[in-house]
Amino acid sequence: MIRYTPRYQIENDSAWIQSVGADTSKIHWRNGKLHAMCNPNDTICEIHEDEADPHDFPVGTVKHLWDWNKLGTIGLGLLTLYTVDQLFNGGKITRKVRKELGI
């Protein structure tokens, strides 16, 4: 359910934390699962409730990303695994997987 509230109420309420969102042209705030978005020049913000709180790292973040973009979440997960393997394991897992896949 979408509702609307004056922007000043969100900006003056310490429960709302400025955040980021997919629509980079808007200003975003979060209060748990609640997500407020406002055009920079507007005084009214749109609020909706997400299934997961992306600030509840790591579980909430992954759940929120999965709900938003499943393929992107898989890609981000693979990139994270690759990076961790390179940084902390010298790329051993990456080389083994590439060998098994013939690439």
PDB file of N, CA and C in Angstrom:
ATOM      1  N   MET A   1       0.838  -1.167   0.000  1.00  0.00           N
ATOM      2  CA  MET A   1       0.000   0.000   0.000  1.00  0.00           C
ATOM      3  C   MET A   1       0.894   1.246   0.000  1.00  0.00           C
ATOM      4  N   ILE A   2       0.607   2.166  -0.874  1.00  0.00           N
ATOM      5  CA  ILE A   2       1.359   3.411  -0.971  1.00  0.00           C
ATOM      6  C   ILE A   2       0.606   4.501  -0.220  1.00  0.00           C
ATOM      7  N   ARG A   3       1.364   5.292   0.521  1.00  0.00           N
ATOM      8  CA  ARG A   3       0.765   6.449   1.181  1.00  0.00           C
ATOM      9  C   ARG A   3       1.701   7.634   0.980  1.00  0.00           C
ATOM     10  N   TYR A   4       1.234   8.788   1.338  1.00  0.00           N
ATOM     11  CA  TYR A   4       2.007  10.011   1.131  1.00  0.00           C
ATOM     12  C   TYR A   4       2.088  10.787   2.438  1.00  0.00           C
ATOM     13  N   THR A   5       3.219  11.455   2.649  1.00  0.00           N
ATOM     14  CA  THR A   5       3.417  12.234   3.865  1.00  0.00           C
ATOM     15  C   THR A   5       4.270  13.456   3.539  1.00  0.00           C
ATOM     16  N   PRO A   6       4.122  14.520   4.292  1.00  0.00           N
ATOM     17  CA  PRO A   6       4.965  15.698   4.065  1.00  0.00           C
ATOM     18  C   PRO A   6       6.444  15.366   4.294  1.00  0.00           C
ATOM     19  N   ARG A   7       7.258  15.862   3.432  1.00  0.00           N
ATOM     20  CA  ARG A   7       8.700  15.585   3.487  1.00  0.00           C
ATOM     21  C   ARG A   7       9.313  16.035   4.810  1.00  0.00           C
ATOM     22  N   TYR A   8       8.874  17.173   5.340  1.00  0.00           N
ATOM     23  CA  TYR A   8       9.466  17.689   6.577  1.00  0.00           C
ATOM     24  C   TYR A   8       9.278  16.721   7.743  1.00  0.00           C
ATOM     25  N   GLN A   9       8.189  15.934   7.720  1.00  0.00           N
ATOM     26  CA  GLN A   9       7.974  14.977   8.806  1.00  0.00           C
ATOM     27  C   GLN A   9       9.031  13.877   8.786  1.00  0.00           C
ATOM     28  N   ILE A  10       9.415  13.460   7.606  1.00  0.00           N
ATOM     29  CA  ILE A  10      10.450  12.430   7.475  1.00  0.00           C
ATOM     30  C   ILE A  10      11.815  13.012   7.840  1.00  0.00           C
ATOM     31  N   GLU A  11      12.097  14.204   7.323  1.00  0.00           N
ATOM     32  CA  GLU A  11      13.403  14.823   7.575  1.00  0.00           C
ATOM     33  C   GLU A  11      13.616  15.148   9.060  1.00  0.00           C
ATOM     34  N   ASN A  12      12.542  15.387   9.795  1.00  0.00           N
ATOM     35  CA  ASN A  12      12.647  15.755  11.210  1.00  0.00           C
ATOM     36  C   ASN A  12      12.450  14.582  12.163  1.00  0.00           C
ATOM     37  N   ASP A  13      12.278  13.388  11.630  1.00  0.00           N
ATOM     38  CA  ASP A  13      12.064  12.197  12.458  1.00  0.00           C
ATOM     39  C   ASP A  13      13.343  11.357  12.436  1.00  0.00           C
ATOM     40  N   SER A  14      14.005  11.219  13.577  1.00  0.00           N
ATOM     41  CA  SER A  14      15.286  10.505  13.625  1.00  0.00           C
ATOM     42  C   SER A  14      15.160   9.009  13.314  1.00  0.00           C
ATOM     43  N   ALA A  15      13.944   8.477  13.279  1.00  0.00           N
ATOM     44  CA  ALA A  15      13.755   7.070  12.921  1.00  0.00           C
ATOM     45  C   ALA A  15      13.996   6.840  11.431  1.00  0.00           C
ATOM     46  N   TRP A  16      13.898   7.895  10.638  1.00  0.00           N
ATOM     47  CA  TRP A  16      14.119   7.796   9.195  1.00  0.00           C
ATOM     48  C   TRP A  16      15.582   8.085   8.891  1.00  0.00           C
ATOM     49  N   ILE A  17      16.226   7.155   8.167  1.00  0.00           N
ATOM     50  CA  ILE A  17      17.634   7.268   7.800  1.00  0.00           C
ATOM     51  C   ILE A  17      17.726   7.518   6.298  1.00  0.00           C
ATOM     52  N   GLN A  18      18.483   8.544   5.899  1.00  0.00           N
ATOM     53  CA  GLN A  18      18.658   8.786   4.468  1.00  0.00           C
ATOM     54  C   GLN A  18      19.324   7.571   3.845  1.00  0.00           C
ATOM     55  N   SER A  19      18.875   7.198   2.658  1.00  0.00           N
ATOM     56  CA  SER A  19      19.295   5.953   2.033  1.00  0.00           C
ATOM     57  C   SER A  19      19.482   6.161   0.538  1.00  0.00           C
ATOM     58  N   VAL A  20      19.609   5.071  -0.179  1.00  0.00           N
ATOM     59  CA  VAL A  20      19.702   5.092  -1.644  1.00  0.00           C
ATOM     60  C   VAL A  20      18.622   4.166  -2.200  1.00  0.00           C
ATOM     61  N   GLY A  21      18.324   4.336  -3.464  1.00  0.00           N
ATOM     62  CA  GLY A  21      17.337   3.484  -4.100  1.00  0.00           C
ATOM     63  C   GLY A  21      17.610   3.376  -5.583  1.00  0.00           C
ATOM     64  N   ALA A  22      16.838   2.535  -6.245  1.00  0.00           N
ATOM     65  CA  ALA A  22      17.035   2.291  -7.675  1.00  0.00           C
ATOM     66  C   ALA A  22      16.821   3.559  -8.499  1.00  0.00           C
ATOM     67  N   ASP A  23      15.856   4.382  -8.108  1.00  0.00           N
ATOM     68  CA  ASP A  23      15.594   5.630  -8.821  1.00  0.00           C
ATOM     69  C   ASP A  23      16.514   6.707  -8.257  1.00  0.00           C
ATOM     70  N   THR A  24      17.637   6.919  -8.921  1.00  0.00           N
ATOM     71  CA  THR A  24      18.649   7.849  -8.408  1.00  0.00           C
ATOM     72  C   THR A  24      18.245   9.316  -8.547  1.00  0.00           C
ATOM     73  N   SER A  25      17.149   9.589  -9.244  1.00  0.00           N
ATOM     74  CA  SER A  25      16.693  10.976  -9.375  1.00  0.00           C
ATOM     75  C   SER A  25      15.905  11.424  -8.143  1.00  0.00           C
ATOM     76  N   LYS A  26      15.595  10.492  -7.225  1.00  0.00           N
ATOM     77  CA  LYS A  26      14.809  10.816  -6.036  1.00  0.00           C
ATOM     78  C   LYS A  26      15.665  10.732  -4.778  1.00  0.00           C
ATOM     79  N   ILE A  27      15.184  11.371  -3.723  1.00  0.00           N
ATOM     80  CA  ILE A  27      15.806  11.280  -2.413  1.00  0.00           C
ATOM     81  C   ILE A  27      15.108  10.146  -1.675  1.00  0.00           C
ATOM     82  N   HIS A  28      15.878   9.315  -0.988  1.00  0.00           N
ATOM     83  CA  HIS A  28      15.327   8.127  -0.328  1.00  0.00           C
ATOM     84  C   HIS A  28      15.624   8.150   1.162  1.00  0.00           C
ATOM     85  N   TRP A  29      14.661   7.643   1.942  1.00  0.00           N
ATOM     86  CA  TRP A  29      14.843   7.436   3.381  1.00  0.00           C
ATOM     87  C   TRP A  29      14.299   6.062   3.727  1.00  0.00           C
ATOM     88  N   ARG A  30      14.813   5.478   4.807  1.00  0.00           N
ATOM     89  CA  ARG A  30      14.335   4.179   5.285  1.00  0.00           C
ATOM     90  C   ARG A  30      14.068   4.246   6.773  1.00  0.00           C
ATOM     91  N   ASN A  31      13.023   3.518   7.150  1.00  0.00           N
ATOM     92  CA  ASN A  31      12.660   3.331   8.550  1.00  0.00           C
ATOM     93  C   ASN A  31      12.252   1.864   8.660  1.00  0.00           C
ATOM     94  N   GLY A  32      13.249   0.983   8.863  1.00  0.00           N
ATOM     95  CA  GLY A  32      12.972  -0.455   8.832  1.00  0.00           C
ATOM     96  C   GLY A  32      12.564  -0.865   7.425  1.00  0.00           C
ATOM     97  N   LYS A  33      11.409  -1.485   7.307  1.00  0.00           N
ATOM     98  CA  LYS A  33      10.909  -1.915   5.995  1.00  0.00           C
ATOM     99  C   LYS A  33      10.234  -0.780   5.217  1.00  0.00           C
ATOM    100  N   LEU A  34       9.981   0.343   5.878  1.00  0.00           N
ATOM    101  CA  LEU A  34       9.353   1.478   5.205  1.00  0.00           C
ATOM    102  C   LEU A  34      10.366   2.216   4.352  1.00  0.00           C
ATOM    103  N   HIS A  35       9.958   2.585   3.155  1.00  0.00           N
ATOM    104  CA  HIS A  35      10.830   3.261   2.190  1.00  0.00           C
ATOM    105  C   HIS A  35      10.100   4.501   1.690  1.00  0.00           C
ATOM    106  N   ALA A  36      10.687   5.667   1.935  1.00  0.00           N
ATOM    107  CA  ALA A  36      10.119   6.933   1.476  1.00  0.00           C
ATOM    108  C   ALA A  36      10.953   7.455   0.321  1.00  0.00           C
ATOM    109  N   MET A  37      10.258   7.940  -0.711  1.00  0.00           N
ATOM    110  CA  MET A  37      10.926   8.519  -1.874  1.00  0.00           C
ATOM    111  C   MET A  37      10.296   9.876  -2.154  1.00  0.00           C
ATOM    112  N   CYS A  38      11.154  10.823  -2.511  1.00  0.00           N
ATOM    113  CA  CYS A  38      10.664  12.168  -2.769  1.00  0.00           C
ATOM    114  C   CYS A  38      11.468  12.785  -3.901  1.00  0.00           C
ATOM    115  N   ASN A  39      10.800  13.438  -4.829  1.00  0.00           N
ATOM    116  CA  ASN A  39      11.510  14.214  -5.830  1.00  0.00           C
ATOM    117  C   ASN A  39      12.207  15.356  -5.101  1.00  0.00           C
ATOM    118  N   PRO A  40      13.415  15.730  -5.499  1.00  0.00           N
ATOM    119  CA  PRO A  40      14.174  16.742  -4.767  1.00  0.00           C
ATOM    120  C   PRO A  40      13.432  18.063  -4.539  1.00  0.00           C
ATOM    121  N   ASN A  41      12.568  18.455  -5.440  1.00  0.00           N
ATOM    122  CA  ASN A  41      11.873  19.737  -5.315  1.00  0.00           C
ATOM    123  C   ASN A  41      10.465  19.610  -4.740  1.00  0.00           C
ATOM    124  N   ASP A  42      10.024  18.401  -4.418  1.00  0.00           N
ATOM    125  CA  ASP A  42       8.671  18.201  -3.887  1.00  0.00           C
ATOM    126  C   ASP A  42       8.657  18.285  -2.366  1.00  0.00           C
ATOM    127  N   THR A  43       7.492  18.579  -1.825  1.00  0.00           N
ATOM    128  CA  THR A  43       7.324  18.633  -0.368  1.00  0.00           C
ATOM    129  C   THR A  43       6.555  17.434   0.160  1.00  0.00           C
ATOM    130  N   ILE A  44       6.085  16.575  -0.742  1.00  0.00           N
ATOM    131  CA  ILE A  44       5.344  15.367  -0.366  1.00  0.00           C
ATOM    132  C   ILE A  44       6.145  14.151  -0.827  1.00  0.00           C
ATOM    133  N   CYS A  45       6.247  13.155   0.048  1.00  0.00           N
ATOM    134  CA  CYS A  45       6.980  11.933  -0.275  1.00  0.00           C
ATOM    135  C   CYS A  45       6.033  10.738  -0.344  1.00  0.00           C
ATOM    136  N   GLU A  46       6.385   9.801  -1.185  1.00  0.00           N
ATOM    137  CA  GLU A  46       5.653   8.536  -1.318  1.00  0.00           C
ATOM    138  C   GLU A  46       6.311   7.512  -0.397  1.00  0.00           C
ATOM    139  N   ILE A  47       5.495   6.789   0.358  1.00  0.00           N
ATOM    140  CA  ILE A  47       6.010   5.762   1.270  1.00  0.00           C
ATOM    141  C   ILE A  47       5.377   4.420   0.920  1.00  0.00           C
ATOM    142  N   HIS A  48       6.202   3.385   0.856  1.00  0.00           N
ATOM    143  CA  HIS A  48       5.699   2.015   0.710  1.00  0.00           C
ATOM    144  C   HIS A  48       6.490   1.108   1.657  1.00  0.00           C
ATOM    145  N   GLU A  49       5.970  -0.091   1.884  1.00  0.00           N
ATOM    146  CA  GLU A  49       6.646  -1.044   2.751  1.00  0.00           C
ATOM    147  C   GLU A  49       7.226  -2.168   1.916  1.00  0.00           C
ATOM    148  N   ASP A  50       8.514  -2.432   2.114  1.00  0.00           N
ATOM    149  CA  ASP A  50       9.188  -3.525   1.426  1.00  0.00           C
ATOM    150  C   ASP A  50       9.054  -4.808   2.239  1.00  0.00           C
ATOM    151  N   GLU A  51       9.326  -5.934   1.606  1.00  0.00           N
ATOM    152  CA  GLU A  51       9.278  -7.226   2.284  1.00  0.00           C
ATOM    153  C   GLU A  51      10.413  -7.385   3.289  1.00  0.00           C
ATOM    154  N   ALA A  52      11.567  -6.750   2.998  1.00  0.00           N
ATOM    155  CA  ALA A  52      12.748  -6.878   3.858  1.00  0.00           C
ATOM    156  C   ALA A  52      13.404  -5.519   4.018  1.00  0.00           C
ATOM    157  N   ASP A  53      14.092  -5.332   5.128  1.00  0.00           N
ATOM    158  CA  ASP A  53      14.828  -4.102   5.407  1.00  0.00           C
ATOM    159  C   ASP A  53      16.249  -4.253   4.867  1.00  0.00           C
ATOM    160  N   PRO A  54      16.610  -3.516   3.807  1.00  0.00           N
ATOM    161  CA  PRO A  54      17.946  -3.670   3.237  1.00  0.00           C
ATOM    162  C   PRO A  54      19.068  -3.212   4.158  1.00  0.00           C
ATOM    163  N   HIS A  55      18.748  -2.437   5.198  1.00  0.00           N
ATOM    164  CA  HIS A  55      19.774  -2.021   6.153  1.00  0.00           C
ATOM    165  C   HIS A  55      20.056  -3.098   7.196  1.00  0.00           C
ATOM    166  N   ASP A  56      19.251  -4.178   7.205  1.00  0.00           N
ATOM    167  CA  ASP A  56      19.455  -5.297   8.125  1.00  0.00           C
ATOM    168  C   ASP A  56      20.452  -6.263   7.488  1.00  0.00           C
ATOM    169  N   PHE A  57      21.712  -5.844   7.458  1.00  0.00           N
ATOM    170  CA  PHE A  57      22.773  -6.580   6.778  1.00  0.00           C
ATOM    171  C   PHE A  57      23.177  -7.812   7.575  1.00  0.00           C
ATOM    172  N   PRO A  58      23.463  -8.931   6.943  1.00  0.00           N
ATOM    173  CA  PRO A  58      23.445  -9.186   5.509  1.00  0.00           C
ATOM    174  C   PRO A  58      22.128  -9.773   5.009  1.00  0.00           C
ATOM    175  N   VAL A  59      21.350 -10.408   5.892  1.00  0.00           N
ATOM    176  CA  VAL A  59      20.154 -11.140   5.451  1.00  0.00           C
ATOM    177  C   VAL A  59      19.126 -10.217   4.812  1.00  0.00           C
ATOM    178  N   GLY A  60      18.808  -9.128   5.470  1.00  0.00           N
ATOM    179  CA  GLY A  60      17.807  -8.204   4.927  1.00  0.00           C
ATOM    180  C   GLY A  60      18.248  -7.602   3.607  1.00  0.00           C
ATOM    181  N   THR A  61      19.547  -7.319   3.490  1.00  0.00           N
ATOM    182  CA  THR A  61      20.081  -6.754   2.256  1.00  0.00           C
ATOM    183  C   THR A  61      19.898  -7.734   1.098  1.00  0.00           C
ATOM    184  N   VAL A  62      20.272  -8.973   1.314  1.00  0.00           N
ATOM    185  CA  VAL A  62      20.163  -9.982   0.250  1.00  0.00           C
ATOM    186  C   VAL A  62      18.694 -10.238  -0.098  1.00  0.00           C
ATOM    187  N   LYS A  63      17.835 -10.353   0.904  1.00  0.00           N
ATOM    188  CA  LYS A  63      16.402 -10.562   0.640  1.00  0.00           C
ATOM    189  C   LYS A  63      15.823  -9.404  -0.171  1.00  0.00           C
ATOM    190  N   HIS A  64      16.184  -8.181   0.207  1.00  0.00           N
ATOM    191  CA  HIS A  64      15.673  -7.007  -0.512  1.00  0.00           C
ATOM    192  C   HIS A  64      16.164  -7.002  -1.956  1.00  0.00           C
ATOM    193  N   LEU A  65      17.466  -7.262  -2.158  1.00  0.00           N
ATOM    194  CA  LEU A  65      18.007  -7.313  -3.520  1.00  0.00           C
ATOM    195  C   LEU A  65      17.350  -8.424  -4.328  1.00  0.00           C
ATOM    196  N   TRP A  66      17.115  -9.587  -3.713  1.00  0.00           N
ATOM    197  CA  TRP A  66      16.482 -10.714  -4.397  1.00  0.00           C
ATOM    198  C   TRP A  66      15.075 -10.353  -4.849  1.00  0.00           C
ATOM    199  N   ASP A  67      14.313  -9.693  -3.973  1.00  0.00           N
ATOM    200  CA  ASP A  67      12.956  -9.279  -4.345  1.00  0.00           C
ATOM    201  C   ASP A  67      12.968  -8.267  -5.479  1.00  0.00           C
ATOM    202  N   TRP A  68      14.000  -7.433  -5.519  1.00  0.00           N
ATOM    203  CA  TRP A  68      14.076  -6.376  -6.518  1.00  0.00           C
ATOM    204  C   TRP A  68      14.602  -6.890  -7.853  1.00  0.00           C
ATOM    205  N   ASN A  69      15.669  -7.738  -7.817  1.00  0.00           N
ATOM    206  CA  ASN A  69      16.302  -8.175  -9.060  1.00  0.00           C
ATOM    207  C   ASN A  69      17.053  -9.484  -8.820  1.00  0.00           C
ATOM    208  N   LYS A  70      16.402 -10.598  -9.130  1.00  0.00           N
ATOM    209  CA  LYS A  70      16.986 -11.914  -8.857  1.00  0.00           C
ATOM    210  C   LYS A  70      18.286 -12.147  -9.628  1.00  0.00           C
ATOM    211  N   LEU A  71      18.295 -11.857 -10.919  1.00  0.00           N
ATOM    212  CA  LEU A  71      19.486 -12.079 -11.736  1.00  0.00           C
ATOM    213  C   LEU A  71      20.634 -11.186 -11.269  1.00  0.00           C
ATOM    214  N   GLY A  72      20.336  -9.932 -10.946  1.00  0.00           N
ATOM    215  CA  GLY A  72      21.355  -9.027 -10.443  1.00  0.00           C
ATOM    216  C   GLY A  72      21.933  -9.501  -9.119  1.00  0.00           C
ATOM    217  N   THR A  73      21.079 -10.081  -8.269  1.00  0.00           N
ATOM    218  CA  THR A  73      21.538 -10.592  -6.979  1.00  0.00           C
ATOM    219  C   THR A  73      22.488 -11.764  -7.172  1.00  0.00           C
ATOM    220  N   ILE A  74      22.162 -12.651  -8.100  1.00  0.00           N
ATOM    221  CA  ILE A  74      23.050 -13.786  -8.398  1.00  0.00           C
ATOM    222  C   ILE A  74      24.392 -13.265  -8.926  1.00  0.00           C
ATOM    223  N   GLY A  75      24.334 -12.302  -9.839  1.00  0.00           N
ATOM    224  CA  GLY A  75      25.568 -11.726 -10.385  1.00  0.00           C
ATOM    225  C   GLY A  75      26.410 -11.059  -9.315  1.00  0.00           C
ATOM    226  N   LEU A  76      25.768 -10.306  -8.430  1.00  0.00           N
ATOM    227  CA  LEU A  76      26.482  -9.650  -7.345  1.00  0.00           C
ATOM    228  C   LEU A  76      27.095 -10.677  -6.391  1.00  0.00           C
ATOM    229  N   GLY A  77      26.360 -11.755  -6.136  1.00  0.00           N
ATOM    230  CA  GLY A  77      26.887 -12.825  -5.284  1.00  0.00           C
ATOM    231  C   GLY A  77      28.111 -13.482  -5.888  1.00  0.00           C
ATOM    232  N   LEU A  78      28.044 -13.759  -7.191  1.00  0.00           N
ATOM    233  CA  LEU A  78      29.197 -14.378  -7.863  1.00  0.00           C
ATOM    234  C   LEU A  78      30.400 -13.441  -7.882  1.00  0.00           C
ATOM    235  N   LEU A  79      30.144 -12.154  -8.115  1.00  0.00           N
ATOM    236  CA  LEU A  79      31.224 -11.172  -8.101  1.00  0.00           C
ATOM    237  C   LEU A  79      31.855 -11.087  -6.710  1.00  0.00           C
ATOM    238  N   THR A  80      31.033 -11.148  -5.679  1.00  0.00           N
ATOM    239  CA  THR A  80      31.545 -11.116  -4.307  1.00  0.00           C
ATOM    240  C   THR A  80      32.396 -12.339  -4.018  1.00  0.00           C
ATOM    241  N   LEU A  81      31.906 -13.530  -4.402  1.00  0.00           N
ATOM    242  CA  LEU A  81      32.677 -14.756  -4.190  1.00  0.00           C
ATOM    243  C   LEU A  81      34.013 -14.709  -4.933  1.00  0.00           C
ATOM    244  N   TYR A  82      33.978 -14.232  -6.172  1.00  0.00           N
ATOM    245  CA  TYR A  82      35.207 -14.110  -6.966  1.00  0.00           C
ATOM    246  C   TYR A  82      36.198 -13.177  -6.274  1.00  0.00           C
ATOM    247  N   THR A  83      35.713 -12.021  -5.821  1.00  0.00           N
ATOM    248  CA  THR A  83      36.578 -11.029  -5.177  1.00  0.00           C
ATOM    249  C   THR A  83      37.186 -11.581  -3.889  1.00  0.00           C
ATOM    250  N   VAL A  84      36.371 -12.233  -3.082  1.00  0.00           N
ATOM    251  CA  VAL A  84      36.873 -12.818  -1.833  1.00  0.00           C
ATOM    252  C   VAL A  84      37.916 -13.893  -2.137  1.00  0.00           C
ATOM    253  N   ASP A  85      37.648 -14.716  -3.147  1.00  0.00           N
ATOM    254  CA  ASP A  85      38.613 -15.754  -3.536  1.00  0.00           C
ATOM    255  C   ASP A  85      39.932 -15.120  -3.976  1.00  0.00           C
ATOM    256  N   GLN A  86      39.859 -14.060  -4.759  1.00  0.00           N
ATOM    257  CA  GLN A  86      41.081 -13.402  -5.230  1.00  0.00           C
ATOM    258  C   GLN A  86      41.859 -12.778  -4.072  1.00  0.00           C
ATOM    259  N   LEU A  87      41.143 -12.118  -3.176  1.00  0.00           N
ATOM    260  CA  LEU A  87      41.803 -11.399  -2.084  1.00  0.00           C
ATOM    261  C   LEU A  87      42.373 -12.310  -1.003  1.00  0.00           C
ATOM    262  N   PHE A  88      41.636 -13.351  -0.651  1.00  0.00           N
ATOM    263  CA  PHE A  88      42.006 -14.145   0.512  1.00  0.00           C
ATOM    264  C   PHE A  88      42.478 -15.562   0.203  1.00  0.00           C
ATOM    265  N   ASN A  89      42.335 -15.976  -1.070  1.00  0.00           N
ATOM    266  CA  ASN A  89      42.672 -17.355  -1.399  1.00  0.00           C
ATOM    267  C   ASN A  89      43.558 -17.434  -2.644  1.00  0.00           C
ATOM    268  N   GLY A  90      44.012 -16.304  -3.127  1.00  0.00           N
ATOM    269  CA  GLY A  90      44.885 -16.290  -4.294  1.00  0.00           C
ATOM    270  C   GLY A  90      44.219 -16.793  -5.562  1.00  0.00           C
ATOM    271  N   GLY A  91      42.893 -16.871  -5.587  1.00  0.00           N
ATOM    272  CA  GLY A  91      42.160 -17.293  -6.780  1.00  0.00           C
ATOM    273  C   GLY A  91      42.087 -18.798  -6.983  1.00  0.00           C
ATOM    274  N   LYS A  92      42.407 -19.586  -5.960  1.00  0.00           N
ATOM    275  CA  LYS A  92      42.422 -21.046  -6.099  1.00  0.00           C
ATOM    276  C   LYS A  92      41.049 -21.607  -6.480  1.00  0.00           C
ATOM    277  N   ILE A  93      40.000 -21.120  -5.832  1.00  0.00           N
ATOM    278  CA  ILE A  93      38.649 -21.639  -6.132  1.00  0.00           C
ATOM    279  C   ILE A  93      38.241 -21.252  -7.548  1.00  0.00           C
ATOM    280  N   THR A  94      38.539 -20.017  -7.929  1.00  0.00           N
ATOM    281  CA  THR A  94      38.198 -19.550  -9.276  1.00  0.00           C
ATOM    282  C   THR A  94      38.883 -20.418 -10.330  1.00  0.00           C
ATOM    283  N   ARG A  95      40.171 -20.693 -10.142  1.00  0.00           N
ATOM    284  CA  ARG A  95      40.901 -21.532 -11.109  1.00  0.00           C
ATOM    285  C   ARG A  95      40.305 -22.933 -11.173  1.00  0.00           C
ATOM    286  N   LYS A  96      39.941 -23.496 -10.016  1.00  0.00           N
ATOM    287  CA  LYS A  96      39.373 -24.842  -9.987  1.00  0.00           C
ATOM    288  C   LYS A  96      38.028 -24.884 -10.719  1.00  0.00           C
ATOM    289  N   VAL A  97      37.187 -23.899 -10.470  1.00  0.00           N
ATOM    290  CA  VAL A  97      35.874 -23.855 -11.132  1.00  0.00           C
ATOM    291  C   VAL A  97      36.054 -23.689 -12.638  1.00  0.00           C
ATOM    292  N   ARG A  98      36.944 -22.788 -13.052  1.00  0.00           N
ATOM    293  CA  ARG A  98      37.177 -22.599 -14.476  1.00  0.00           C
ATOM    294  C   ARG A  98      37.681 -23.878 -15.134  1.00  0.00           C
ATOM    295  N   LYS A  99      38.547 -24.613 -14.446  1.00  0.00           N
ATOM    296  CA  LYS A  99      39.078 -25.868 -14.969  1.00  0.00           C
ATOM    297  C   LYS A  99      37.948 -26.880 -15.135  1.00  0.00           C
ATOM    298  N   GLU A 100      37.097 -26.992 -14.112  1.00  0.00           N
ATOM    299  CA  GLU A 100      35.968 -27.946 -14.172  1.00  0.00           C
ATOM    300  C   GLU A 100      34.987 -27.599 -15.289  1.00  0.00           C
ATOM    301  N   LEU A 101      34.805 -26.293 -15.528  1.00  0.00           N
ATOM    302  CA  LEU A 101      33.874 -25.859 -16.579  1.00  0.00           C
ATOM    303  C   LEU A 101      34.521 -25.806 -17.962  1.00  0.00           C
ATOM    304  N   GLY A 102      35.828 -25.955 -18.005  1.00  0.00           N
ATOM    305  CA  GLY A 102      36.538 -25.930 -19.293  1.00  0.00           C
ATOM    306  C   GLY A 102      36.625 -24.530 -19.891  1.00  0.00           C
ATOM    307  N   ILE A 103      36.731 -23.526 -19.033  1.00  0.00           N
ATOM    308  CA  ILE A 103      36.835 -22.145 -19.536  1.00  0.00           C
ATOM    309  C   ILE A 103      38.100 -21.485 -19.038  1.00  0.00           C
TER     310      ILE A 103
END
